[in-house]
C-alpha atoms as a PDB file:
ATOM      1  CA  MET A   1      33.069  28.016 -94.969  1.00  0.00           C
ATOM      2  CA  VAL A   2      30.688  27.311 -92.203  1.00  0.00           C
ATOM      3  CA  ALA A   3      32.560  23.967 -91.126  1.00  0.00           C
ATOM      4  CA  ARG A   4      35.820  25.984 -90.859  1.00  0.00           C
ATOM      5  CA  MET A   5      34.228  28.448 -88.673  1.00  0.00           C
ATOM      6  CA  ARG A   6      33.090  25.579 -86.442  1.00  0.00           C
ATOM      7  CA  GLU A   7      36.530  24.037 -86.458  1.00  0.00           C
ATOM      8  CA  PRO A   8      38.449  24.841 -83.152  1.00  0.00           C
ATOM      9  CA  GLN A   9      41.062  26.860 -83.301  1.00  0.00           C
ATOM     10  CA  GLY A  10      42.883  26.138 -79.802  1.00  0.00           C
ATOM     11  CA  CYS A  11      42.671  24.445 -76.376  1.00  0.00           C
ATOM     12  CA  GLY A  12      40.289  25.690 -73.873  1.00  0.00           C
ATOM     13  CA  VAL A  13      42.468  25.231 -71.533  1.00  0.00           C
ATOM     14  CA  CYS A  14      46.024  26.239 -72.284  1.00  0.00           C
ATOM     15  CA  ALA A  15      45.026  27.887 -75.422  1.00  0.00           C
ATOM     16  CA  ALA A  16      47.529  25.899 -77.601  1.00  0.00           C
ATOM     17  CA  ALA A  17      46.554  25.918 -81.319  1.00  0.00           C
ATOM     18  CA  PHE A  18      45.592  22.660 -82.929  1.00  0.00           C
ATOM     19  CA  THR A  19      47.578  21.634 -86.190  1.00  0.00           C
ATOM     20  CA  LEU A  20      47.245  18.116 -87.978  1.00  0.00           C
ATOM     21  CA  LEU A  21      49.273  16.382 -85.504  1.00  0.00           C
ATOM     22  CA  SER A  22      47.691  17.830 -82.559  1.00  0.00           C
ATOM     23  CA  ARG A  23      44.228  17.337 -83.135  1.00  0.00           C
ATOM     24  CA  PRO A  24      41.229  18.522 -80.756  1.00  0.00           C
ATOM     25  CA  ARG A  25      39.704  16.487 -78.090  1.00  0.00           C
ATOM     26  CA  ILE A  26      36.789  16.927 -76.199  1.00  0.00           C
ATOM     27  CA  CYS A  27      36.274  16.983 -72.339  1.00  0.00           C
ATOM     28  CA  ARG A  28      33.396  14.628 -71.355  1.00  0.00           C
ATOM     29  CA  GLN A  29      32.588  17.013 -68.564  1.00  0.00           C
ATOM     30  CA  CYS A  30      32.849  20.526 -69.544  1.00  0.00           C
ATOM     31  CA  LYS A  31      32.736  19.362 -73.723  1.00  0.00           C
ATOM     32  CA  ARG A  32      35.675  21.901 -74.344  1.00  0.00           C
ATOM     33  CA  ASN A  33      38.509  21.145 -76.837  1.00  0.00           C
ATOM     34  CA  CYS A  34      41.605  20.437 -75.264  1.00  0.00           C
ATOM     35  CA  CYS A  35      44.738  19.322 -76.795  1.00  0.00           C
ATOM     36  CA  ALA A  36      46.229  15.901 -76.175  1.00  0.00           C
ATOM     37  CA  ASN A  37      48.331  17.443 -73.364  1.00  0.00           C
ATOM     38  CA  CYS A  38      45.253  18.996 -71.416  1.00  0.00           C
ATOM     39  CA  VAL A  39      43.324  16.242 -71.634  1.00  0.00           C
ATOM     40  CA  ASP A  40      43.604  12.585 -69.146  1.00  0.00           C
ATOM     41  CA  THR A  41      43.040   9.805 -71.136  1.00  0.00           C
ATOM     42  CA  ASN A  42      43.452   7.518 -68.132  1.00  0.00           C
ATOM     43  CA  TYR A  43      41.823   9.227 -65.323  1.00  0.00           C
ATOM     44  CA  PHE A  44      39.491   6.941 -63.855  1.00  0.00           C
ATOM     45  CA  SER A  45      36.670   9.073 -61.777  1.00  0.00           C
ATOM     46  CA  PRO A  46      36.545   8.161 -57.951  1.00  0.00           C
ATOM     47  CA  ARG A  47      32.907   7.933 -58.620  1.00  0.00           C
ATOM     48  CA  GLY A  48      33.332   4.997 -60.711  1.00  0.00           C
ATOM     49  CA  VAL A  49      32.938   6.252 -64.201  1.00  0.00           C
ATOM     50  CA  SER A  50      35.669   4.671 -66.306  1.00  0.00           C
ATOM     51  CA  PRO A  51      37.436   6.628 -69.680  1.00  0.00           C
ATOM     52  CA  ALA A  52      35.574   3.785 -71.767  1.00  0.00           C
ATOM     53  CA  LYS A  53      32.412   4.959 -70.634  1.00  0.00           C
ATOM     54  CA  GLY A  54      32.530   8.245 -71.837  1.00  0.00           C
ATOM     55  CA  LYS A  55      30.517   9.618 -74.790  1.00  0.00           C
ATOM     56  CA  LYS A  56      31.375  10.557 -78.251  1.00  0.00           C
ATOM     57  CA  HIS A  57      29.378  12.935 -80.191  1.00  0.00           C
ATOM     58  CA  SER A  58      29.224  12.449 -83.985  1.00  0.00           C
ATOM     59  CA  GLY A  59      31.356  14.584 -86.024  1.00  0.00           C
ATOM     60  CA  GLN A  60      33.223  15.572 -83.148  1.00  0.00           C
ATOM     61  CA  ALA A  61      36.666  14.744 -81.739  1.00  0.00           C
ATOM     62  CA  ASP A  62      37.247  12.475 -79.453  1.00  0.00           C
ATOM     63  CA  SER A  63      36.123  12.632 -75.770  1.00  0.00           C
ATOM     64  CA  THR A  64      37.668   9.926 -73.778  1.00  0.00           C
ATOM     65  CA  GLY A  65      39.141  11.929 -70.933  1.00  0.00           C
ATOM     66  CA  LEU A  66      38.537  15.068 -68.519  1.00  0.00           C
ATOM     67  CA  CYS A  67      40.446  18.232 -69.062  1.00  0.00           C
ATOM     68  CA  VAL A  68      42.635  18.684 -66.160  1.00  0.00           C
ATOM     69  CA  ASP A  69      40.465  21.519 -64.993  1.00  0.00           C
ATOM     70  CA  CYS A  70      37.486  19.118 -64.552  1.00  0.00           C
ATOM     71  CA  VAL A  71      39.768  16.421 -63.336  1.00  0.00           C
ATOM     72  CA  VAL A  72      41.243  19.278 -60.671  1.00  0.00           C
ATOM     73  CA  ALA A  73      37.494  20.490 -59.853  1.00  0.00           C
ATOM     74  CA  GLU A  74      36.142  16.695 -59.566  1.00  0.00           C
ATOM     75  CA  ALA A  75      39.228  15.931 -57.341  1.00  0.00           C
ATOM     76  CA  THR A  76      38.680  18.877 -55.211  1.00  0.00           C
ATOM     77  CA  SER A  77      34.639  17.891 -55.135  1.00  0.00           C
ATOM     78  CA  HIS A  78      35.531  14.383 -54.504  1.00  0.00           C
ATOM     79  CA  SER A  79      37.739  15.293 -51.823  1.00  0.00           C
ATOM     80  CA  ILE A  80      35.353  17.600 -50.086  1.00  0.00           C
ATOM     81  CA  SER A  81      32.793  14.939 -50.022  1.00  0.00           C
ATOM     82  CA  VAL A  82      34.972  12.423 -48.664  1.00  0.00           C
ATOM     83  CA  GLN A  83      36.096  14.730 -45.928  1.00  0.00           C
ATOM     84  CA  GLU A  84      32.434  15.517 -45.323  1.00  0.00           C
ATOM     85  CA  ASP A  85      31.357  11.673 -45.392  1.00  0.00           C
ATOM     86  CA  LEU A  86      34.908  11.281 -42.614  1.00  0.00           C
ATOM     87  CA  ASP A  87      33.220  14.185 -40.703  1.00  0.00           C
ATOM     88  CA  ARG A  88      30.243  12.298 -40.867  1.00  0.00           C
ATOM     89  CA  THR A  89      31.611   9.055 -40.258  1.00  0.00           C
ATOM     90  CA  GLU A  90      33.730  10.393 -37.598  1.00  0.00           C
ATOM     91  CA  GLU A  91      30.431  11.977 -35.662  1.00  0.00           C
ATOM     92  CA  ILE A  92      28.793   8.990 -36.089  1.00  0.00           C
ATOM     93  CA  ASN A  93      31.653   6.856 -34.194  1.00  0.00           C
ATOM     94  CA  ARG A  94      31.405   9.366 -31.482  1.00  0.00           C
ATOM     95  CA  GLY A  95      28.032   8.810 -31.249  1.00  0.00           C
ATOM     96  CA  LEU A  96      28.352   5.042 -31.366  1.00  0.00           C
ATOM     97  CA  LYS A  97      31.255   5.109 -29.041  1.00  0.00           C
ATOM     98  CA  HIS A  98      29.205   7.196 -26.656  1.00  0.00           C
ATOM     99  CA  GLU A  99      26.161   4.807 -27.142  1.00  0.00           C
ATOM    100  CA  LEU A 100      28.181   1.739 -26.857  1.00  0.00           C
ATOM    101  CA  LYS A 101      29.838   3.138 -23.161  1.00  0.00           C
ATOM    102  CA  ARG A 102      26.225   3.598 -22.308  1.00  0.00           C
ATOM    103  CA  GLN A 103      25.068   0.163 -23.266  1.00  0.00           C
ATOM    104  CA  LEU A 104      28.445  -0.872 -21.682  1.00  0.00           C
ATOM    105  CA  VAL A 105      27.495   0.703 -18.420  1.00  0.00           C
ATOM    106  CA  ALA A 106      23.398  -0.741 -18.860  1.00  0.00           C
ATOM    107  CA  MET A 107      25.168  -3.958 -19.263  1.00  0.00           C
ATOM    108  CA  GLU A 108      26.775  -4.066 -16.193  1.00  0.00           C
ATOM    109  CA  LYS A 109      24.032  -2.772 -14.269  1.00  0.00           C
ATOM    110  CA  PHE A 110      21.705  -5.189 -16.202  1.00  0.00           C
ATOM    111  CA  ARG A 111      24.685  -7.921 -14.953  1.00  0.00           C
ATOM    112  CA  GLY A 112      24.258  -6.725 -11.347  1.00  0.00           C
ATOM    113  CA  PHE A 113      20.643  -6.910 -11.402  1.00  0.00           C
ATOM    114  CA  LEU A 114      20.747 -10.276 -12.829  1.00  0.00           C
ATOM    115  CA  VAL A 115      23.080 -11.451 -10.090  1.00  0.00           C
ATOM    116  CA  GLU A 116      21.148  -9.720  -7.110  1.00  0.00           C
ATOM    117  CA  PHE A 117      17.809 -11.657  -8.611  1.00  0.00           C
ATOM    118  CA  CYS A 118      19.714 -14.416  -8.811  1.00  0.00           C
ATOM    119  CA  ASP A 119      21.297 -14.387  -5.334  1.00  0.00           C
ATOM    120  CA  ALA A 120      17.737 -13.081  -3.897  1.00  0.00           C
ATOM    121  CA  PHE A 121      15.418 -15.692  -6.043  1.00  0.00           C
ATOM    122  CA  ALA A 122      17.484 -18.693  -6.287  1.00  0.00           C
ATOM    123  CA  PRO A 123      16.235 -21.767  -5.092  1.00  0.00           C
ATOM    124  CA  GLU A 124      19.023 -22.140  -2.725  1.00  0.00           C
ATOM    125  CA  SER A 125      18.239 -18.340  -1.331  1.00  0.00           C
ATOM    126  CA  ALA A 126      17.324 -17.634   1.749  1.00  0.00           C
ATOM    127  CA  LEU A 127      13.905 -16.803   0.845  1.00  0.00           C
ATOM    128  CA  PHE A 128      13.011 -20.307  -0.283  1.00  0.00           C
ATOM    129  CA  GLN A 129      14.702 -21.917   3.151  1.00  0.00           C
ATOM    130  CA  GLU A 130      12.579 -24.145   5.289  1.00  0.00           C
ATOM    131  CA  GLY A 131      13.266 -26.276   8.128  1.00  0.00           C
ATOM    132  CA  ASP A 132      14.938 -25.602  11.267  1.00  0.00           C
ATOM    133  CA  LYS A 133      17.824 -23.039  12.208  1.00  0.00           C
ATOM    134  CA  ALA A 134      20.440 -25.519  12.287  1.00  0.00           C
ATOM    135  CA  GLU A 135      19.353 -26.649   8.792  1.00  0.00           C
ATOM    136  CA  ASN A 136      19.295 -23.496   7.833  1.00  0.00           C
ATOM    137  CA  ASN A 137      22.388 -22.569   8.744  1.00  0.00           C
ATOM    138  CA  GLY A 138      23.999 -25.461   7.197  1.00  0.00           C
ATOM    139  CA  GLU A 139      22.078 -24.356   4.103  1.00  0.00           C
ATOM    140  CA  GLN A 140      23.441 -21.090   4.010  1.00  0.00           C
ATOM    141  CA  GLU A 141      27.305 -22.222   4.787  1.00  0.00           C
ATOM    142  CA  SER A 142      26.926 -24.658   1.265  1.00  0.00           C
ATOM    143  CA  ASP A 143      25.146 -21.690  -0.419  1.00  0.00           C
ATOM    144  CA  SER A 144      28.102 -19.196   0.423  1.00  0.00           C
ATOM    145  CA  ASP A 145      30.243 -21.824  -1.155  1.00  0.00           C
ATOM    146  CA  LYS A 146      27.794 -21.779  -4.361  1.00  0.00           C
ATOM    147  CA  LYS A 147      27.875 -18.064  -4.493  1.00  0.00           C
ATOM    148  CA  LEU A 148      27.167 -16.721  -7.987  1.00  0.00           C
ATOM    149  CA  ASP A 149      30.470 -15.528  -9.946  1.00  0.00           C
ATOM    150  CA  PRO A 150      29.454 -12.082 -11.076  1.00  0.00           C
ATOM    151  CA  THR A 151      31.855 -11.802 -13.989  1.00  0.00           C
ATOM    152  CA  GLN A 152      30.426 -14.759 -15.812  1.00  0.00           C
ATOM    153  CA  PRO A 153      28.731 -14.200 -19.260  1.00  0.00           C
ATOM    154  CA  ILE A 154      25.570 -12.234 -19.233  1.00  0.00           C
ATOM    155  CA  ALA A 155      24.109 -15.431 -21.312  1.00  0.00           C
ATOM    156  CA  ASN A 156      24.633 -17.758 -18.199  1.00  0.00           C
ATOM    157  CA  LEU A 157      23.109 -14.855 -15.996  1.00  0.00           C
ATOM    158  CA  VAL A 158      20.104 -14.646 -17.776  1.00  0.00           C
ATOM    159  CA  ALA A 159      19.631 -18.499 -18.010  1.00  0.00           C
ATOM    160  CA  ARG A 160      20.056 -18.763 -14.488  1.00  0.00           C
ATOM    161  CA  GLY A 161      17.874 -15.864 -13.912  1.00  0.00           C
ATOM    162  CA  GLN A 162      14.795 -17.376 -15.807  1.00  0.00           C
ATOM    163  CA  ASP A 163      15.353 -20.220 -13.989  1.00  0.00           C
ATOM    164  CA  SER A 164      15.325 -18.346 -10.965  1.00  0.00           C
ATOM    165  CA  LEU A 165      11.975 -16.443 -12.721  1.00  0.00           C
ATOM    166  CA  GLN A 166      10.613 -20.197 -12.904  1.00  0.00           C
ATOM    167  CA  ASN A 167      11.299 -20.860  -9.080  1.00  0.00           C
ATOM    168  CA  LEU A 168       9.627 -17.775  -8.187  1.00  0.00           C
ATOM    169  CA  TYR A 169       6.492 -18.184 -10.242  1.00  0.00           C
ATOM    170  CA  ALA A 170       6.325 -21.282  -8.481  1.00  0.00           C
ATOM    171  CA  ARG A 171       6.666 -19.730  -4.985  1.00  0.00           C
ATOM    172  CA  VAL A 172       3.916 -17.477  -5.904  1.00  0.00           C
ATOM    173  CA  ARG A 173       1.641 -20.047  -7.071  1.00  0.00           C
ATOM    174  CA  ARG A 174       2.043 -21.835  -3.864  1.00  0.00           C
ATOM    175  CA  LEU A 175       1.686 -18.452  -1.838  1.00  0.00           C
ATOM    176  CA  ARG A 176      -1.599 -17.834  -3.688  1.00  0.00           C
ATOM    177  CA  SER A 177      -2.827 -21.327  -2.687  1.00  0.00           C
ATOM    178  CA  GLU A 178      -1.831 -20.945   0.707  1.00  0.00           C
ATOM    179  CA  LEU A 179      -3.599 -17.204   0.377  1.00  0.00           C
ATOM    180  CA  ASP A 180      -6.819 -18.515  -0.920  1.00  0.00           C
ATOM    181  CA  ALA A 181      -6.967 -21.528   1.934  1.00  0.00           C
ATOM    182  CA  ALA A 182      -6.520 -18.502   4.117  1.00  0.00           C
ATOM    183  CA  ASN A 183      -9.383 -16.675   2.586  1.00  0.00           C
ATOM    184  CA  SER A 184     -11.226 -19.784   2.448  1.00  0.00           C
ATOM    185  CA  ASP A 185     -10.503 -19.888   6.634  1.00  0.00           C
ATOM    186  CA  GLY A 186     -10.612 -16.192   7.133  1.00  0.00           C
ATOM    187  CA  ASN A 187     -14.283 -16.461   5.636  1.00  0.00           C
ATOM    188  CA  GLY A 188     -15.073 -19.083   8.364  1.00  0.00           C
ATOM    189  CA  LEU A 189     -13.776 -17.527  10.885  1.00  0.00           C
ATOM    190  CA  LYS A 190     -15.807 -14.433   9.857  1.00  0.00           C
ATOM    191  CA  LEU A 191     -18.930 -16.121   9.916  1.00  0.00           C
ATOM    192  CA  ALA A 192     -17.718 -18.028  13.431  1.00  0.00           C
ATOM    193  CA  LEU A 193     -17.019 -14.146  14.507  1.00  0.00           C
ATOM    194  CA  ALA A 194     -20.340 -13.218  13.496  1.00  0.00           C
ATOM    195  CA  GLU A 195     -22.026 -15.855  15.199  1.00  0.00           C
ATOM    196  CA  THR A 196     -19.766 -15.293  18.443  1.00  0.00           C
ATOM    197  CA  LYS A 197     -20.812 -11.447  18.112  1.00  0.00           C
ATOM    198  CA  ALA A 198     -24.309 -11.949  17.844  1.00  0.00           C
ATOM    199  CA  GLN A 199     -24.029 -14.268  21.077  1.00  0.00           C
ATOM    200  CA  LEU A 200     -22.277 -11.504  22.592  1.00  0.00           C
ATOM    201  CA  GLU A 201     -25.030  -9.067  21.420  1.00  0.00           C
ATOM    202  CA  ALA A 202     -27.535 -11.219  23.039  1.00  0.00           C
ATOM    203  CA  VAL A 203     -25.523 -11.700  26.137  1.00  0.00           C
ATOM    204  CA  ALA A 204     -24.827  -7.867  26.427  1.00  0.00           C
ATOM    205  CA  SER A 205     -28.530  -7.368  26.110  1.00  0.00           C
ATOM    206  CA  GLU A 206     -29.620 -10.067  28.758  1.00  0.00           C
ATOM    207  CA  ARG A 207     -26.495  -8.640  31.101  1.00  0.00           C
ATOM    208  CA  ASP A 208     -28.284  -5.142  30.381  1.00  0.00           C
ATOM    209  CA  SER A 209     -31.912  -6.573  31.204  1.00  0.00           C
ATOM    210  CA  LEU A 210     -30.229  -8.204  34.516  1.00  0.00           C
ATOM    211  CA  GLN A 211     -28.661  -4.741  35.422  1.00  0.00           C
ATOM    212  CA  ALA A 212     -31.964  -3.043  35.200  1.00  0.00           C
ATOM    213  CA  SER A 213     -33.545  -6.014  37.209  1.00  0.00           C
ATOM    214  CA  LEU A 214     -30.690  -5.809  39.716  1.00  0.00           C
ATOM    215  CA  TYR A 215     -31.653  -2.081  39.843  1.00  0.00           C
ATOM    216  CA  GLN A 216     -35.096  -2.401  40.650  1.00  0.00           C
ATOM    217  CA  ILE A 217     -34.089  -4.979  43.242  1.00  0.00           C
ATOM    218  CA  ASN A 218     -31.796  -2.477  45.066  1.00  0.00           C
ATOM    219  CA  GLU A 219     -34.365   0.165  44.474  1.00  0.00           C
ATOM    220  CA  SER A 220     -37.033  -2.348  46.185  1.00  0.00           C
ATOM    221  CA  LEU A 221     -34.788  -3.373  49.191  1.00  0.00           C
ATOM    222  CA  LEU A 222     -33.697   0.342  49.972  1.00  0.00           C
ATOM    223  CA  ARG A 223     -37.416   0.826  50.028  1.00  0.00           C
ATOM    224  CA  LEU A 224     -38.181  -2.353  51.994  1.00  0.00           C
ATOM    225  CA  GLU A 225     -35.103  -1.203  54.285  1.00  0.00           C
ATOM    226  CA  ALA A 226     -36.961   2.254  54.788  1.00  0.00           C
ATOM    227  CA  GLU A 227     -40.245   0.567  55.636  1.00  0.00           C
ATOM    228  CA  ARG A 228     -38.648  -1.685  57.788  1.00  0.00           C
ATOM    229  CA  GLN A 229     -37.051   1.159  59.603  1.00  0.00           C
ATOM    230  CA  GLN A 230     -40.502   3.155  59.705  1.00  0.00           C
ATOM    231  CA  VAL A 231     -41.749  -0.124  61.291  1.00  0.00           C
ATOM    232  CA  ALA A 232     -39.326  -0.484  64.056  1.00  0.00           C
ATOM    233  CA  ASP A 233     -39.857   3.227  64.782  1.00  0.00           C
ATOM    234  CA  LEU A 234     -43.778   2.659  64.939  1.00  0.00           C
ATOM    235  CA  ARG A 235     -42.926  -0.455  67.095  1.00  0.00           C
ATOM    236  CA  ARG A 236     -40.618   1.620  69.396  1.00  0.00           C
ATOM    237  CA  ASP A 237     -43.417   4.279  69.729  1.00  0.00           C
ATOM    238  CA  TYR A 238     -46.270   1.658  70.249  1.00  0.00           C
ATOM    239  CA  GLU A 239     -43.939   0.144  72.821  1.00  0.00           C
ATOM    240  CA  ALA A 240     -43.560   3.344  74.481  1.00  0.00           C
ATOM    241  CA  LEU A 241     -47.269   4.618  74.260  1.00  0.00           C
ATOM    242  CA  ARG A 242     -48.293   0.959  75.686  1.00  0.00           C
ATOM    243  CA  ALA A 243     -45.898   1.465  78.796  1.00  0.00           C
ATOM    244  CA  ARG A 244     -47.285   4.973  79.011  1.00  0.00           C
ATOM    245  CA  CYS A 245     -50.691   3.393  78.705  1.00  0.00           C
ATOM    246  CA  SER A 246     -49.747   0.540  81.085  1.00  0.00           C
ATOM    247  CA  LYS A 247     -48.775   3.521  83.793  1.00  0.00           C
ATOM    248  CA  MET A 248     -51.927   5.518  83.612  1.00  0.00           C
ATOM    249  CA  GLU A 249     -53.817   2.403  83.857  1.00  0.00           C
ATOM    250  CA  GLN A 250     -52.158   0.993  86.898  1.00  0.00           C
ATOM    251  CA  ALA A 251     -52.343   4.661  88.306  1.00  0.00           C
ATOM    252  CA  HIS A 252     -56.259   5.107  87.034  1.00  0.00           C
ATOM    253  CA  ASN A 253     -56.876   1.611  89.010  1.00  0.00           C
ATOM    254  CA  GLU A 254     -55.158   2.539  92.144  1.00  0.00           C
ATOM    255  CA  ARG A 255     -56.955   5.793  92.322  1.00  0.00           C
ATOM    256  CA  THR A 256     -60.244   4.116  91.257  1.00  0.00           C
ATOM    257  CA  SER A 257     -59.738   1.351  93.875  1.00  0.00           C
ATOM    258  CA  ARG A 258     -58.814   3.936  96.560  1.00  0.00           C
ATOM    259  CA  ARG A 259     -62.207   5.721  95.540  1.00  0.00           C
ATOM    260  CA  ASP A 260     -64.219   2.813  95.720  1.00  0.00           C
ATOM    261  CA  THR A 261     -62.625   1.789  98.978  1.00  0.00           C
ATOM    262  CA  ASN A 262     -63.538   5.017 100.280  1.00  0.00           C
ATOM    263  CA  LEU A 263     -67.316   4.941  99.074  1.00  0.00           C
ATOM    264  CA  LEU A 264     -67.992   1.542 100.578  1.00  0.00           C
ATOM    265  CA  LEU A 265     -66.425   3.119 103.738  1.00  0.00           C
ATOM    266  CA  GLN A 266     -68.483   5.908 103.573  1.00  0.00           C
ATOM    267  CA  ARG A 267     -71.690   3.793 102.467  1.00  0.00           C
ATOM    268  CA  GLY A 268     -70.802   1.198 105.639  1.00  0.00           C
ATOM    269  CA  SER A 269     -70.814   4.356 107.943  1.00  0.00           C
ATOM    270  CA  ALA A 270     -73.918   5.802 106.634  1.00  0.00           C
ATOM    271  CA  ARG A 271     -75.549   2.444 107.071  1.00  0.00           C
ATOM    272  CA  GLU A 272     -74.406   2.200 110.617  1.00  0.00           C
ATOM    273  CA  GLU A 273     -76.072   5.439 111.034  1.00  0.00           C
ATOM    274  CA  GLN A 274     -79.338   4.475 109.340  1.00  0.00           C
ATOM    275  CA  ALA A 275     -79.550   1.732 111.162  1.00  0.00           C
ATOM    276  CA  GLU A 276     -78.778   3.703 114.304  1.00  0.00           C
ATOM    277  CA  ASN A 277     -81.333   5.975 113.285  1.00  0.00           C
ATOM    278  CA  TRP A 278     -83.911   3.223 112.857  1.00  0.00           C
ATOM    279  CA  ARG A 279     -82.818   1.683 116.135  1.00  0.00           C
ATOM    280  CA  TRP A 280     -83.945   4.734 117.737  1.00  0.00           C
ATOM    281  CA  PHE A 281     -87.182   5.153 115.460  1.00  0.00           C
ATOM    282  CA  ALA A 282     -87.890   2.009 116.905  1.00  0.00           C
ATOM    283  CA  VAL A 283     -87.500   2.734 120.752  1.00  0.00           C
ATOM    284  CA  CYS A 284     -89.673   5.573 119.823  1.00  0.00           C
ATOM    285  CA  CYS A 285     -91.746   3.690 117.679  1.00  0.00           C
ATOM    286  CA  PRO A 286     -92.432  -0.187 117.678  1.00  0.00           C
ATOM    287  CA  ARG A 287     -94.064   0.075 114.387  1.00  0.00           C
ATOM    288  CA  PHE A 288     -90.309   0.748 112.745  1.00  0.00           C
ATOM    289  CA  ALA A 289     -88.793  -2.069 114.433  1.00  0.00           C
ATOM    290  CA  PHE A 290     -87.365  -4.608 112.592  1.00  0.00           C
END
């Protein structure tokens, strides 16, 4: 009785009744009882599950396929999943295409940089040319013939750039050695400059002292000139006073000589009068006779 109640009565998809010739089949996906027309035993799941892998429950009907509803649902789900994968793939492809364009632009820029770098720092470039103008002109003409092809592969440009970089390193090392030599020479020049500066300071100090001495000498000369002028003025005044004194002395001598002459004359006349008087006394009195 219980077994009869558990037996399926009809298809879960089309509701067809089961008979002895049409036994029920169980869908391995939804586990419903289906007829042979509603179960696809040859269906191969797009997810990789084959019909042979379907499990058969003990005491139940065969479960070797999927019902049409599950097939449609699985196919629809798989189509949606595939469409989503395609959309993601398309989006990824767009991103990759954009990135590829960006990388191509970057590679072209890198190619241009490599070409400029190789042209600038190659051994035959103008930066490393030495010699006279004629040689430089000839080398420049030969360099124009050896001009780098910008369309060659980037690997060749990278190798050429590495050679140019090594050449640049050698140039930098040589310039650094020259700079060190120049710095050592500069230190010697600094010492010589310091000595010269000290000598100049000594000369400047001596010049200042000489200028001070010259200023003192000029002041002494000015004072001497003033004193000389004073001496000349004194001498002129002395000569004037001397001439005046000579004149006064001469005048005094003239007055004195005239006065002496007058005195002598007066004394002579007085003596004559006295002698006359004595003579008269002698006449009167012989006692007073000479």
